[in-house]
Amino acid sequence: MVNFYLEKVHGALVTLHDAQSRPLAVSSSVQVSDEAAQLVGYDGKVYLRRLQPTNRLMVTQLDGSVCTAHLEYLAVSSDIPLIGVVPCL
């Protein structure tokens, strides 16, 4: 018998933009709560897991500057939610 350890994950694919409405740079680092930092991919997209109903994202950009973003999350039981543009100011 094989035991698959499944964990319910509250995740979403989020698109982050800067104050000038441009996608954040690839490899910017996104921190949510005590979770491990995730890296931003192309077009400002980042997959975040273990989201709460209200989240504060701390983003360290490639030049060392830091911005914050606020994200409201509604858990769904189907596909991974795609959350549109979230400004990081």
C-alpha atoms as a PDB file:
ATOM      1  CA  MET A   1       0.000   0.000   0.000  1.00  0.00           C
ATOM      2  CA  VAL A   2       1.229   3.461  -0.876  1.00  0.00           C
ATOM      3  CA  ASN A   3       0.314   6.427   1.280  1.00  0.00           C
ATOM      4  CA  PHE A   4       0.093   9.739  -0.562  1.00  0.00           C
ATOM      5  CA  TYR A   5       0.357  12.589   1.886  1.00  0.00           C
ATOM      6  CA  LEU A   6      -2.028  15.127   0.445  1.00  0.00           C
ATOM      7  CA  GLU A   7      -2.338  18.611   1.808  1.00  0.00           C
ATOM      8  CA  LYS A   8      -5.083  21.067   0.952  1.00  0.00           C
ATOM      9  CA  VAL A   9      -3.370  24.168  -0.368  1.00  0.00           C
ATOM     10  CA  HIS A  10      -4.974  27.587  -0.690  1.00  0.00           C
ATOM     11  CA  GLY A  11      -2.959  28.899  -3.600  1.00  0.00           C
ATOM     12  CA  ALA A  12      -3.307  31.267  -6.524  1.00  0.00           C
ATOM     13  CA  LEU A  13      -1.382  32.595  -9.487  1.00  0.00           C
ATOM     14  CA  VAL A  14      -0.972  36.322  -8.877  1.00  0.00           C
ATOM     15  CA  THR A  15       0.214  39.044 -11.279  1.00  0.00           C
ATOM     16  CA  LEU A  16       2.213  41.785  -9.539  1.00  0.00           C
ATOM     17  CA  HIS A  17       2.846  45.227 -11.026  1.00  0.00           C
ATOM     18  CA  ASP A  18       4.917  48.157  -9.763  1.00  0.00           C
ATOM     19  CA  ALA A  19       3.744  51.728  -9.132  1.00  0.00           C
ATOM     20  CA  GLN A  20       4.111  52.519 -12.859  1.00  0.00           C
ATOM     21  CA  SER A  21       1.799  49.596 -13.798  1.00  0.00           C
ATOM     22  CA  ARG A  22       4.699  47.506 -15.150  1.00  0.00           C
ATOM     23  CA  PRO A  23       5.086  43.804 -14.299  1.00  0.00           C
ATOM     24  CA  LEU A  24       7.623  43.174 -11.546  1.00  0.00           C
ATOM     25  CA  ALA A  25      10.994  41.879 -12.720  1.00  0.00           C
ATOM     26  CA  VAL A  26      11.684  38.169 -13.048  1.00  0.00           C
ATOM     27  CA  SER A  27      13.372  36.788  -9.896  1.00  0.00           C
ATOM     28  CA  SER A  28      11.974  39.429  -7.543  1.00  0.00           C
ATOM     29  CA  SER A  29      11.312  37.690  -4.224  1.00  0.00           C
ATOM     30  CA  VAL A  30       7.808  37.551  -2.687  1.00  0.00           C
ATOM     31  CA  GLN A  31       7.293  36.779   1.009  1.00  0.00           C
ATOM     32  CA  VAL A  32       3.850  36.015   2.456  1.00  0.00           C
ATOM     33  CA  SER A  33       3.690  35.581   6.250  1.00  0.00           C
ATOM     34  CA  ASP A  34       6.135  32.941   7.470  1.00  0.00           C
ATOM     35  CA  GLU A  35       6.163  31.023   4.182  1.00  0.00           C
ATOM     36  CA  ALA A  36       9.289  30.507   2.115  1.00  0.00           C
ATOM     37  CA  ALA A  37       9.874  33.271  -0.407  1.00  0.00           C
ATOM     38  CA  GLN A  38       8.660  32.654  -3.961  1.00  0.00           C
ATOM     39  CA  LEU A  39      10.236  34.084  -7.094  1.00  0.00           C
ATOM     40  CA  VAL A  40       8.378  36.186  -9.625  1.00  0.00           C
ATOM     41  CA  GLY A  41       8.283  34.726 -13.128  1.00  0.00           C
ATOM     42  CA  TYR A  42       7.611  36.273 -16.503  1.00  0.00           C
ATOM     43  CA  ASP A  43       5.003  39.035 -16.786  1.00  0.00           C
ATOM     44  CA  GLY A  44       5.039  39.586 -13.009  1.00  0.00           C
ATOM     45  CA  LYS A  45       3.387  36.230 -12.248  1.00  0.00           C
ATOM     46  CA  VAL A  46       4.022  34.329  -9.032  1.00  0.00           C
ATOM     47  CA  TYR A  47       2.358  31.240  -7.560  1.00  0.00           C
ATOM     48  CA  LEU A  48       1.579  31.691  -3.868  1.00  0.00           C
ATOM     49  CA  ARG A  49       0.342  28.987  -1.501  1.00  0.00           C
ATOM     50  CA  ARG A  50      -1.157  28.874   1.956  1.00  0.00           C
ATOM     51  CA  LEU A  51      -2.987  32.129   1.380  1.00  0.00           C
ATOM     52  CA  GLN A  52      -5.298  33.561   4.014  1.00  0.00           C
ATOM     53  CA  PRO A  53      -8.448  35.627   3.352  1.00  0.00           C
ATOM     54  CA  THR A  54      -6.290  38.775   3.762  1.00  0.00           C
ATOM     55  CA  ASN A  55      -2.584  38.744   2.840  1.00  0.00           C
ATOM     56  CA  ARG A  56       0.294  41.211   2.942  1.00  0.00           C
ATOM     57  CA  LEU A  57       3.023  40.515   0.405  1.00  0.00           C
ATOM     58  CA  MET A  58       6.553  41.854   0.918  1.00  0.00           C
ATOM     59  CA  VAL A  59       8.450  42.011  -2.369  1.00  0.00           C
ATOM     60  CA  THR A  60      12.197  42.491  -2.644  1.00  0.00           C
ATOM     61  CA  GLN A  61      13.042  43.642  -6.139  1.00  0.00           C
ATOM     62  CA  LEU A  62      16.315  43.036  -7.961  1.00  0.00           C
ATOM     63  CA  ASP A  63      17.672  46.491  -7.105  1.00  0.00           C
ATOM     64  CA  GLY A  64      17.126  45.764  -3.391  1.00  0.00           C
ATOM     65  CA  SER A  65      14.085  48.018  -3.023  1.00  0.00           C
ATOM     66  CA  VAL A  66      11.056  46.671  -1.174  1.00  0.00           C
ATOM     67  CA  CYS A  67       7.383  47.185  -1.947  1.00  0.00           C
ATOM     68  CA  THR A  68       4.239  45.775  -0.386  1.00  0.00           C
ATOM     69  CA  ALA A  69       1.020  44.498  -1.874  1.00  0.00           C
ATOM     70  CA  HIS A  70      -2.293  43.571  -0.286  1.00  0.00           C
ATOM     71  CA  LEU A  71      -4.216  40.589  -1.548  1.00  0.00           C
ATOM     72  CA  GLU A  72      -7.705  39.402  -0.708  1.00  0.00           C
ATOM     73  CA  TYR A  73      -8.163  35.679  -1.322  1.00  0.00           C
ATOM     74  CA  LEU A  74     -11.305  33.597  -1.584  1.00  0.00           C
ATOM     75  CA  ALA A  75     -10.655  29.857  -1.395  1.00  0.00           C
ATOM     76  CA  VAL A  76     -12.095  27.760  -4.213  1.00  0.00           C
ATOM     77  CA  SER A  77     -12.288  24.012  -4.605  1.00  0.00           C
ATOM     78  CA  SER A  78     -11.705  23.838  -8.352  1.00  0.00           C
ATOM     79  CA  ASP A  79      -8.823  25.079 -10.532  1.00  0.00           C
ATOM     80  CA  ILE A  80      -6.015  27.325  -9.345  1.00  0.00           C
ATOM     81  CA  PRO A  81      -7.404  30.861  -9.127  1.00  0.00           C
ATOM     82  CA  LEU A  82      -5.833  33.449 -11.417  1.00  0.00           C
ATOM     83  CA  ILE A  83      -5.720  36.765  -9.611  1.00  0.00           C
ATOM     84  CA  GLY A  84      -5.406  39.780 -11.894  1.00  0.00           C
ATOM     85  CA  VAL A  85      -3.030  42.681 -11.457  1.00  0.00           C
ATOM     86  CA  VAL A  86      -2.133  43.492  -7.852  1.00  0.00           C
ATOM     87  CA  PRO A  87      -0.149  46.721  -7.372  1.00  0.00           C
ATOM     88  CA  CYS A  88       3.024  46.602  -5.301  1.00  0.00           C
ATOM     89  CA  LEU A  89       3.685  50.044  -3.862  1.00  0.00           C
END
